[in-house]
Amino acid sequence: MKLIEKLLKEIEEEGQKTRKMLVIVPDDKYDWRPHPKSMPIKDLALHIADLPTWVTLAVTTNELDFAASPYNPGDVKNTEGLLALFEKNLAKAQADMEQATEEQLEEPWTLRNGAVVYMTLSKYETIRHALAQTIHHRAQLGLYLRLLNIPIPGSYGPSADEQGL
């Protein structure tokens, strides 16, 4: 299996797991946060729904400069809109990934804010970073939902809720 095929498979599998978490974000808790230093659940869920765009950025650009393009994941009013945004971003990421080449994945990609460079990775590493961020923030969302007493779906096996524990 070639690298592009492996990445597409991983994007699809993580997309399925992410969808299961996003679908249970309650509309009436969008302003809720577990701690004053934590972001509201809406902002966290929006970030997760936006993360597939980083795959698109990796294969269609050479950098993201926050000074030139401030981060704006969009806005949604409810979970239906959140899922629509996620599905649109995921489909675009998959389509862009299908057009990528193995050679292109070796090219450098930079994240910066003007003159301040946060990181320069290969485009492959940038995609893996986006997937790792998705997994990280999805787990964070799981904690938020757990604190709201919402049953959590399993990601890499059944959750305690699914096992009736």
N, C-alpha and C. Protein backbone atom coordinates (compact mmCIF):
# COMPACT_ATOMS: atom_id res chain seq x y z
N MET A 1 0.85 -1.18 0.00
CA MET A 1 0.00 0.00 0.00
C MET A 1 0.89 1.24 0.00
N LYS A 2 0.62 2.15 -0.88
CA LYS A 2 1.41 3.38 -0.98
C LYS A 2 1.03 4.34 0.15
N LEU A 3 1.92 5.30 0.40
CA LEU A 3 1.75 6.25 1.48
C LEU A 3 0.44 7.04 1.36
N ILE A 4 0.10 7.50 0.18
CA ILE A 4 -1.14 8.26 -0.01
C ILE A 4 -2.33 7.39 0.38
N GLU A 5 -2.33 6.14 -0.04
CA GLU A 5 -3.43 5.22 0.30
C GLU A 5 -3.52 5.01 1.80
N LYS A 6 -2.37 4.89 2.46
CA LYS A 6 -2.36 4.71 3.91
C LYS A 6 -2.92 5.94 4.61
N LEU A 7 -2.52 7.11 4.16
CA LEU A 7 -3.02 8.34 4.76
C LEU A 7 -4.53 8.49 4.53
N LEU A 8 -4.98 8.17 3.33
CA LEU A 8 -6.42 8.24 3.04
C LEU A 8 -7.20 7.30 3.95
N LYS A 9 -6.67 6.11 4.17
CA LYS A 9 -7.32 5.15 5.06
C LYS A 9 -7.38 5.70 6.48
N GLU A 10 -6.29 6.28 6.93
CA GLU A 10 -6.25 6.83 8.29
C GLU A 10 -7.18 8.04 8.43
N ILE A 11 -7.22 8.89 7.42
CA ILE A 11 -8.12 10.04 7.45
C ILE A 11 -9.57 9.57 7.53
N GLU A 12 -9.91 8.54 6.77
CA GLU A 12 -11.28 8.00 6.80
C GLU A 12 -11.59 7.39 8.17
N GLU A 13 -10.68 6.58 8.69
CA GLU A 13 -10.92 5.93 9.99
C GLU A 13 -11.04 6.95 11.11
N GLU A 14 -10.15 7.93 11.15
CA GLU A 14 -10.24 8.96 12.19
C GLU A 14 -11.48 9.83 11.98
N GLY A 15 -11.87 10.02 10.74
CA GLY A 15 -13.09 10.77 10.45
C GLY A 15 -14.32 10.07 11.03
N GLN A 16 -14.37 8.75 10.92
CA GLN A 16 -15.50 7.99 11.48
C GLN A 16 -15.55 8.14 13.00
N LYS A 17 -14.41 8.06 13.65
CA LYS A 17 -14.36 8.20 15.11
C LYS A 17 -14.73 9.62 15.53
N THR A 18 -14.24 10.58 14.78
CA THR A 18 -14.52 11.98 15.10
C THR A 18 -16.00 12.30 14.94
N ARG A 19 -16.59 11.80 13.89
CA ARG A 19 -18.02 12.01 13.64
C ARG A 19 -18.86 11.51 14.82
N LYS A 20 -18.49 10.34 15.38
CA LYS A 20 -19.23 9.78 16.51
C LYS A 20 -19.18 10.70 17.73
N MET A 21 -18.10 11.44 17.88
CA MET A 21 -17.99 12.36 19.02
C MET A 21 -18.72 13.68 18.74
N LEU A 22 -18.57 14.19 17.54
CA LEU A 22 -19.19 15.48 17.23
C LEU A 22 -20.71 15.40 17.26
N VAL A 23 -21.26 14.27 16.85
CA VAL A 23 -22.72 14.14 16.76
C VAL A 23 -23.40 14.22 18.13
N ILE A 24 -22.66 13.99 19.21
CA ILE A 24 -23.28 14.00 20.54
C ILE A 24 -23.02 15.29 21.32
N VAL A 25 -22.41 16.29 20.68
CA VAL A 25 -22.21 17.58 21.34
C VAL A 25 -23.59 18.23 21.49
N PRO A 26 -24.02 18.51 22.72
CA PRO A 26 -25.37 19.05 22.92
C PRO A 26 -25.48 20.53 22.51
N ASP A 27 -26.51 20.82 21.72
CA ASP A 27 -26.73 22.20 21.25
C ASP A 27 -26.83 23.20 22.40
N ASP A 28 -27.41 22.78 23.51
CA ASP A 28 -27.66 23.70 24.62
C ASP A 28 -26.46 23.90 25.54
N LYS A 29 -25.31 23.31 25.20
CA LYS A 29 -24.11 23.43 26.04
C LYS A 29 -22.96 24.10 25.31
N TYR A 30 -23.22 24.79 24.22
CA TYR A 30 -22.15 25.36 23.41
C TYR A 30 -21.26 26.35 24.16
N ASP A 31 -21.78 26.98 25.20
CA ASP A 31 -20.98 27.93 25.97
C ASP A 31 -20.30 27.28 27.18
N TRP A 32 -20.59 25.99 27.43
CA TRP A 32 -20.06 25.33 28.62
C TRP A 32 -18.57 25.08 28.48
N ARG A 33 -17.87 25.22 29.59
CA ARG A 33 -16.44 24.90 29.68
C ARG A 33 -16.19 24.31 31.06
N PRO A 34 -15.27 23.34 31.15
CA PRO A 34 -15.03 22.69 32.44
C PRO A 34 -14.23 23.54 33.42
N HIS A 35 -13.57 24.57 32.92
CA HIS A 35 -12.69 25.40 33.75
C HIS A 35 -12.57 26.76 33.07
N PRO A 36 -12.38 27.83 33.83
CA PRO A 36 -12.25 29.16 33.20
C PRO A 36 -11.12 29.26 32.17
N LYS A 37 -10.07 28.45 32.32
CA LYS A 37 -8.97 28.49 31.36
C LYS A 37 -9.22 27.59 30.15
N SER A 38 -10.28 26.81 30.18
CA SER A 38 -10.62 25.91 29.08
C SER A 38 -11.47 26.65 28.05
N MET A 39 -11.35 26.25 26.80
CA MET A 39 -12.20 26.85 25.77
C MET A 39 -13.61 26.29 25.89
N PRO A 40 -14.62 27.05 25.48
CA PRO A 40 -15.99 26.52 25.47
C PRO A 40 -16.09 25.31 24.54
N ILE A 41 -17.04 24.45 24.83
CA ILE A 41 -17.19 23.22 24.05
C ILE A 41 -17.43 23.53 22.57
N LYS A 42 -18.13 24.62 22.27
CA LYS A 42 -18.36 25.00 20.88
C LYS A 42 -17.03 25.26 20.17
N ASP A 43 -16.14 26.01 20.80
CA ASP A 43 -14.85 26.34 20.18
C ASP A 43 -14.01 25.08 19.97
N LEU A 44 -14.02 24.19 20.95
CA LEU A 44 -13.28 22.93 20.83
C LEU A 44 -13.85 22.09 19.69
N ALA A 45 -15.17 21.95 19.65
CA ALA A 45 -15.80 21.15 18.59
C ALA A 45 -15.56 21.77 17.22
N LEU A 46 -15.61 23.10 17.13
CA LEU A 46 -15.32 23.77 15.85
C LEU A 46 -13.89 23.51 15.41
N HIS A 47 -12.97 23.56 16.34
CA HIS A 47 -11.57 23.29 15.99
C HIS A 47 -11.42 21.87 15.45
N ILE A 48 -12.07 20.92 16.10
CA ILE A 48 -12.01 19.53 15.64
C ILE A 48 -12.62 19.41 14.24
N ALA A 49 -13.74 20.06 14.02
CA ALA A 49 -14.40 20.01 12.70
C ALA A 49 -13.55 20.68 11.62
N ASP A 50 -12.70 21.62 12.03
CA ASP A 50 -11.85 22.34 11.09
C ASP A 50 -10.53 21.63 10.78
N LEU A 51 -10.10 20.74 11.66
CA LEU A 51 -8.78 20.12 11.48
C LEU A 51 -8.56 19.41 10.15
N PRO A 52 -9.57 18.84 9.49
CA PRO A 52 -9.30 18.28 8.16
C PRO A 52 -8.78 19.32 7.16
N THR A 53 -9.07 20.60 7.39
CA THR A 53 -8.57 21.63 6.46
C THR A 53 -7.05 21.70 6.49
N TRP A 54 -6.44 21.21 7.56
CA TRP A 54 -4.98 21.22 7.64
C TRP A 54 -4.38 20.20 6.68
N VAL A 55 -5.12 19.15 6.36
CA VAL A 55 -4.68 18.21 5.33
C VAL A 55 -4.67 18.94 3.99
N THR A 56 -5.75 19.65 3.72
CA THR A 56 -5.84 20.44 2.49
C THR A 56 -4.71 21.46 2.42
N LEU A 57 -4.48 22.17 3.53
CA LEU A 57 -3.39 23.16 3.56
C LEU A 57 -2.04 22.50 3.26
N ALA A 58 -1.82 21.33 3.82
CA ALA A 58 -0.53 20.65 3.63
C ALA A 58 -0.29 20.29 2.18
N VAL A 59 -1.33 19.85 1.48
CA VAL A 59 -1.10 19.39 0.10
C VAL A 59 -1.36 20.46 -0.96
N THR A 60 -1.90 21.61 -0.56
CA THR A 60 -2.20 22.65 -1.56
C THR A 60 -1.43 23.94 -1.33
N THR A 61 -0.70 24.05 -0.20
CA THR A 61 0.07 25.26 0.08
C THR A 61 1.44 24.87 0.62
N ASN A 62 2.28 25.87 0.82
CA ASN A 62 3.60 25.64 1.41
C ASN A 62 3.71 26.17 2.83
N GLU A 63 2.67 26.94 3.25
CA GLU A 63 2.71 27.47 4.61
C GLU A 63 1.35 28.04 5.00
N LEU A 64 1.22 28.25 6.30
CA LEU A 64 0.11 29.01 6.85
C LEU A 64 0.73 30.10 7.70
N ASP A 65 0.40 31.33 7.38
CA ASP A 65 0.90 32.48 8.12
C ASP A 65 -0.28 33.15 8.79
N PHE A 66 -0.36 33.01 10.11
CA PHE A 66 -1.48 33.58 10.85
C PHE A 66 -1.52 35.11 10.73
N ALA A 67 -0.38 35.75 10.50
CA ALA A 67 -0.37 37.20 10.33
C ALA A 67 -1.10 37.60 9.05
N ALA A 68 -1.01 36.78 8.02
CA ALA A 68 -1.68 37.06 6.75
C ALA A 68 -3.08 36.47 6.69
N SER A 69 -3.30 35.37 7.40
CA SER A 69 -4.60 34.66 7.39
C SER A 69 -4.95 34.25 8.81
N PRO A 70 -5.55 35.14 9.59
CA PRO A 70 -5.90 34.78 10.96
C PRO A 70 -6.78 33.53 11.00
N TYR A 71 -6.57 32.72 12.03
CA TYR A 71 -7.30 31.47 12.16
C TYR A 71 -8.79 31.77 12.37
N ASN A 72 -9.62 31.17 11.55
CA ASN A 72 -11.07 31.33 11.66
C ASN A 72 -11.72 30.03 11.18
N PRO A 73 -12.10 29.16 12.13
CA PRO A 73 -12.69 27.89 11.72
C PRO A 73 -14.14 28.01 11.25
N GLY A 74 -14.69 29.22 11.30
CA GLY A 74 -16.09 29.40 10.92
C GLY A 74 -16.96 29.47 12.16
N ASP A 75 -18.25 29.40 11.94
CA ASP A 75 -19.19 29.47 13.05
C ASP A 75 -20.36 28.55 12.75
N VAL A 76 -20.90 27.98 13.77
CA VAL A 76 -22.09 27.15 13.66
C VAL A 76 -23.02 27.50 14.81
N LYS A 77 -24.28 27.22 14.62
CA LYS A 77 -25.28 27.52 15.65
C LYS A 77 -25.72 26.27 16.41
N ASN A 78 -25.46 25.09 15.81
CA ASN A 78 -25.93 23.84 16.42
C ASN A 78 -25.08 22.68 15.90
N THR A 79 -25.35 21.52 16.45
CA THR A 79 -24.57 20.34 16.11
C THR A 79 -24.82 19.91 14.67
N GLU A 80 -25.99 20.15 14.16
CA GLU A 80 -26.26 19.85 12.74
C GLU A 80 -25.32 20.65 11.85
N GLY A 81 -25.16 21.94 12.15
CA GLY A 81 -24.22 22.77 11.39
C GLY A 81 -22.78 22.34 11.61
N LEU A 82 -22.46 21.92 12.82
CA LEU A 82 -21.11 21.44 13.14
C LEU A 82 -20.77 20.23 12.29
N LEU A 83 -21.71 19.29 12.21
CA LEU A 83 -21.47 18.08 11.41
C LEU A 83 -21.37 18.40 9.93
N ALA A 84 -22.19 19.33 9.45
CA ALA A 84 -22.12 19.72 8.04
C ALA A 84 -20.75 20.32 7.72
N LEU A 85 -20.24 21.16 8.61
CA LEU A 85 -18.92 21.75 8.42
C LEU A 85 -17.84 20.66 8.42
N PHE A 86 -17.91 19.75 9.37
CA PHE A 86 -16.94 18.66 9.44
C PHE A 86 -16.98 17.82 8.16
N GLU A 87 -18.17 17.44 7.71
CA GLU A 87 -18.29 16.59 6.51
C GLU A 87 -17.73 17.30 5.28
N LYS A 88 -17.99 18.60 5.16
CA LYS A 88 -17.46 19.36 4.03
C LYS A 88 -15.93 19.39 4.08
N ASN A 89 -15.38 19.67 5.25
CA ASN A 89 -13.93 19.75 5.40
C ASN A 89 -13.27 18.38 5.20
N LEU A 90 -13.90 17.33 5.70
CA LEU A 90 -13.35 15.99 5.54
C LEU A 90 -13.36 15.57 4.07
N ALA A 91 -14.45 15.82 3.37
CA ALA A 91 -14.54 15.45 1.95
C ALA A 91 -13.49 16.21 1.13
N LYS A 92 -13.29 17.47 1.44
CA LYS A 92 -12.28 18.27 0.71
C LYS A 92 -10.88 17.74 1.01
N ALA A 93 -10.61 17.42 2.27
CA ALA A 93 -9.30 16.88 2.63
C ALA A 93 -9.03 15.58 1.89
N GLN A 94 -10.03 14.71 1.83
CA GLN A 94 -9.85 13.44 1.13
C GLN A 94 -9.63 13.67 -0.37
N ALA A 95 -10.40 14.56 -0.96
CA ALA A 95 -10.24 14.84 -2.40
C ALA A 95 -8.87 15.44 -2.69
N ASP A 96 -8.41 16.35 -1.85
CA ASP A 96 -7.09 16.95 -2.05
C ASP A 96 -5.98 15.94 -1.83
N MET A 97 -6.16 15.07 -0.86
CA MET A 97 -5.17 14.02 -0.61
C MET A 97 -5.07 13.07 -1.79
N GLU A 98 -6.20 12.75 -2.41
CA GLU A 98 -6.21 11.85 -3.57
C GLU A 98 -5.44 12.45 -4.75
N GLN A 99 -5.34 13.78 -4.80
CA GLN A 99 -4.62 14.45 -5.89
C GLN A 99 -3.14 14.64 -5.58
N ALA A 100 -2.75 14.39 -4.34
CA ALA A 100 -1.36 14.60 -3.94
C ALA A 100 -0.45 13.51 -4.52
N THR A 101 0.83 13.81 -4.54
CA THR A 101 1.82 12.83 -4.98
C THR A 101 2.75 12.50 -3.81
N GLU A 102 3.37 11.34 -3.92
CA GLU A 102 4.32 10.92 -2.88
C GLU A 102 5.47 11.94 -2.77
N GLU A 103 5.93 12.42 -3.90
CA GLU A 103 7.03 13.39 -3.90
C GLU A 103 6.63 14.68 -3.19
N GLN A 104 5.42 15.10 -3.43
CA GLN A 104 4.90 16.33 -2.82
C GLN A 104 4.92 16.23 -1.29
N LEU A 105 4.70 15.03 -0.76
CA LEU A 105 4.65 14.86 0.69
C LEU A 105 6.01 15.07 1.35
N GLU A 106 7.07 15.04 0.56
CA GLU A 106 8.41 15.28 1.11
C GLU A 106 8.75 16.77 1.17
N GLU A 107 7.97 17.61 0.51
CA GLU A 107 8.25 19.05 0.49
C GLU A 107 8.00 19.67 1.86
N PRO A 108 8.70 20.76 2.17
CA PRO A 108 8.51 21.42 3.47
C PRO A 108 7.20 22.22 3.52
N TRP A 109 6.65 22.30 4.71
CA TRP A 109 5.46 23.11 4.98
C TRP A 109 5.71 23.84 6.30
N THR A 110 5.38 25.13 6.35
CA THR A 110 5.71 25.97 7.50
C THR A 110 4.45 26.58 8.12
N LEU A 111 4.43 26.59 9.44
CA LEU A 111 3.40 27.29 10.21
C LEU A 111 4.08 28.47 10.87
N ARG A 112 3.56 29.67 10.64
CA ARG A 112 4.20 30.87 11.15
C ARG A 112 3.17 31.91 11.54
N ASN A 113 3.65 32.91 12.24
CA ASN A 113 2.89 34.12 12.52
C ASN A 113 3.83 35.27 12.19
N GLY A 114 3.79 35.70 10.93
CA GLY A 114 4.73 36.70 10.47
C GLY A 114 6.14 36.14 10.48
N ALA A 115 7.04 36.84 11.16
CA ALA A 115 8.44 36.42 11.19
C ALA A 115 8.69 35.25 12.16
N VAL A 116 7.73 34.98 13.04
CA VAL A 116 7.89 33.91 14.02
C VAL A 116 7.46 32.58 13.39
N VAL A 117 8.41 31.69 13.25
CA VAL A 117 8.13 30.37 12.68
C VAL A 117 7.87 29.40 13.83
N TYR A 118 6.67 28.81 13.82
CA TYR A 118 6.32 27.83 14.85
C TYR A 118 6.90 26.46 14.53
N MET A 119 6.81 26.08 13.26
CA MET A 119 7.37 24.79 12.86
C MET A 119 7.48 24.71 11.35
N THR A 120 8.45 23.95 10.92
CA THR A 120 8.57 23.57 9.52
C THR A 120 8.73 22.06 9.51
N LEU A 121 7.79 21.42 8.84
CA LEU A 121 7.75 19.96 8.75
C LEU A 121 7.60 19.59 7.28
N SER A 122 7.79 18.33 6.98
CA SER A 122 7.43 17.89 5.64
C SER A 122 5.91 17.91 5.55
N LYS A 123 5.39 17.93 4.35
CA LYS A 123 3.94 17.91 4.18
C LYS A 123 3.35 16.63 4.76
N TYR A 124 4.06 15.52 4.63
CA TYR A 124 3.63 14.27 5.28
C TYR A 124 3.52 14.46 6.79
N GLU A 125 4.56 15.03 7.40
CA GLU A 125 4.55 15.24 8.84
C GLU A 125 3.45 16.21 9.26
N THR A 126 3.16 17.17 8.42
CA THR A 126 2.08 18.12 8.71
C THR A 126 0.73 17.40 8.73
N ILE A 127 0.52 16.50 7.81
CA ILE A 127 -0.73 15.72 7.78
C ILE A 127 -0.81 14.85 9.03
N ARG A 128 0.28 14.19 9.38
CA ARG A 128 0.29 13.36 10.59
C ARG A 128 0.05 14.22 11.82
N HIS A 129 0.62 15.43 11.84
CA HIS A 129 0.40 16.36 12.95
C HIS A 129 -1.09 16.72 13.06
N ALA A 130 -1.73 16.97 11.93
CA ALA A 130 -3.17 17.29 11.92
C ALA A 130 -3.98 16.11 12.45
N LEU A 131 -3.61 14.90 12.07
CA LEU A 131 -4.31 13.71 12.58
C LEU A 131 -4.08 13.55 14.09
N ALA A 132 -2.86 13.80 14.54
CA ALA A 132 -2.56 13.72 15.97
C ALA A 132 -3.35 14.79 16.74
N GLN A 133 -3.45 15.98 16.18
CA GLN A 133 -4.24 17.04 16.80
C GLN A 133 -5.71 16.64 16.88
N THR A 134 -6.21 16.00 15.84
CA THR A 134 -7.60 15.54 15.84
C THR A 134 -7.82 14.54 16.98
N ILE A 135 -6.91 13.59 17.11
CA ILE A 135 -7.03 12.57 18.15
C ILE A 135 -6.94 13.23 19.53
N HIS A 136 -5.99 14.12 19.70
CA HIS A 136 -5.81 14.83 20.98
C HIS A 136 -7.06 15.61 21.36
N HIS A 137 -7.55 16.42 20.45
CA HIS A 137 -8.71 17.26 20.77
C HIS A 137 -10.00 16.45 20.87
N ARG A 138 -10.08 15.34 20.16
CA ARG A 138 -11.24 14.47 20.29
C ARG A 138 -11.28 13.86 21.70
N ALA A 139 -10.12 13.50 22.23
CA ALA A 139 -10.05 12.99 23.61
C ALA A 139 -10.42 14.09 24.59
N GLN A 140 -9.97 15.29 24.32
CA GLN A 140 -10.33 16.43 25.16
C GLN A 140 -11.86 16.63 25.15
N LEU A 141 -12.46 16.54 23.97
CA LEU A 141 -13.91 16.66 23.86
C LEU A 141 -14.59 15.53 24.63
N GLY A 142 -14.02 14.33 24.58
CA GLY A 142 -14.57 13.22 25.35
C GLY A 142 -14.63 13.52 26.84
N LEU A 143 -13.59 14.17 27.35
CA LEU A 143 -13.59 14.55 28.76
C LEU A 143 -14.69 15.57 29.03
N TYR A 144 -14.82 16.56 28.17
CA TYR A 144 -15.88 17.56 28.33
C TYR A 144 -17.24 16.85 28.40
N LEU A 145 -17.47 15.95 27.45
CA LEU A 145 -18.75 15.25 27.39
C LEU A 145 -18.95 14.36 28.61
N ARG A 146 -17.90 13.71 29.07
CA ARG A 146 -17.97 12.87 30.27
C ARG A 146 -18.39 13.72 31.46
N LEU A 147 -17.80 14.91 31.59
CA LEU A 147 -18.14 15.80 32.71
C LEU A 147 -19.59 16.29 32.62
N LEU A 148 -20.16 16.28 31.43
CA LEU A 148 -21.57 16.62 31.24
C LEU A 148 -22.47 15.39 31.39
N ASN A 149 -21.86 14.26 31.75
CA ASN A 149 -22.58 12.99 31.94
C ASN A 149 -23.23 12.49 30.66
N ILE A 150 -22.54 12.69 29.55
CA ILE A 150 -23.00 12.20 28.26
C ILE A 150 -22.22 10.94 27.93
N PRO A 151 -22.90 9.83 27.63
CA PRO A 151 -22.18 8.59 27.30
C PRO A 151 -21.25 8.79 26.11
N ILE A 152 -20.05 8.23 26.23
CA ILE A 152 -18.99 8.42 25.25
C ILE A 152 -18.87 7.19 24.35
N PRO A 153 -18.79 7.41 23.03
CA PRO A 153 -18.55 6.28 22.12
C PRO A 153 -17.08 5.86 22.18
N GLY A 154 -16.83 4.61 21.90
CA GLY A 154 -15.46 4.13 21.86
C GLY A 154 -14.75 4.65 20.62
N SER A 155 -13.44 4.73 20.71
CA SER A 155 -12.63 5.13 19.56
C SER A 155 -11.83 3.96 19.00
N TYR A 156 -11.11 3.28 19.85
CA TYR A 156 -10.25 2.18 19.42
C TYR A 156 -10.65 0.88 20.10
N GLY A 157 -11.88 0.82 20.48
CA GLY A 157 -12.49 -0.31 21.18
C GLY A 157 -13.69 0.24 21.91
N PRO A 158 -14.45 -0.61 22.53
CA PRO A 158 -15.65 -0.14 23.19
C PRO A 158 -15.33 0.74 24.41
N SER A 159 -16.18 1.74 24.62
CA SER A 159 -16.03 2.59 25.81
C SER A 159 -16.71 1.90 27.00
N ALA A 160 -16.47 2.41 28.18
CA ALA A 160 -17.14 1.88 29.37
C ALA A 160 -18.65 2.02 29.22
N ASP A 161 -19.11 3.11 28.60
CA ASP A 161 -20.54 3.30 28.38
C ASP A 161 -21.11 2.23 27.47
N GLU A 162 -20.39 1.92 26.41
CA GLU A 162 -20.86 0.90 25.47
C GLU A 162 -20.85 -0.50 26.09
N GLN A 163 -20.00 -0.69 27.08
CA GLN A 163 -19.93 -1.98 27.77
C GLN A 163 -20.90 -2.06 28.95
N GLY A 164 -21.61 -0.97 29.20
CA GLY A 164 -22.56 -0.94 30.30
C GLY A 164 -21.91 -0.88 31.66
N LEU A 165 -20.68 -0.37 31.72
CA LEU A 165 -19.96 -0.28 33.01
C LEU A 165 -20.31 1.01 33.73
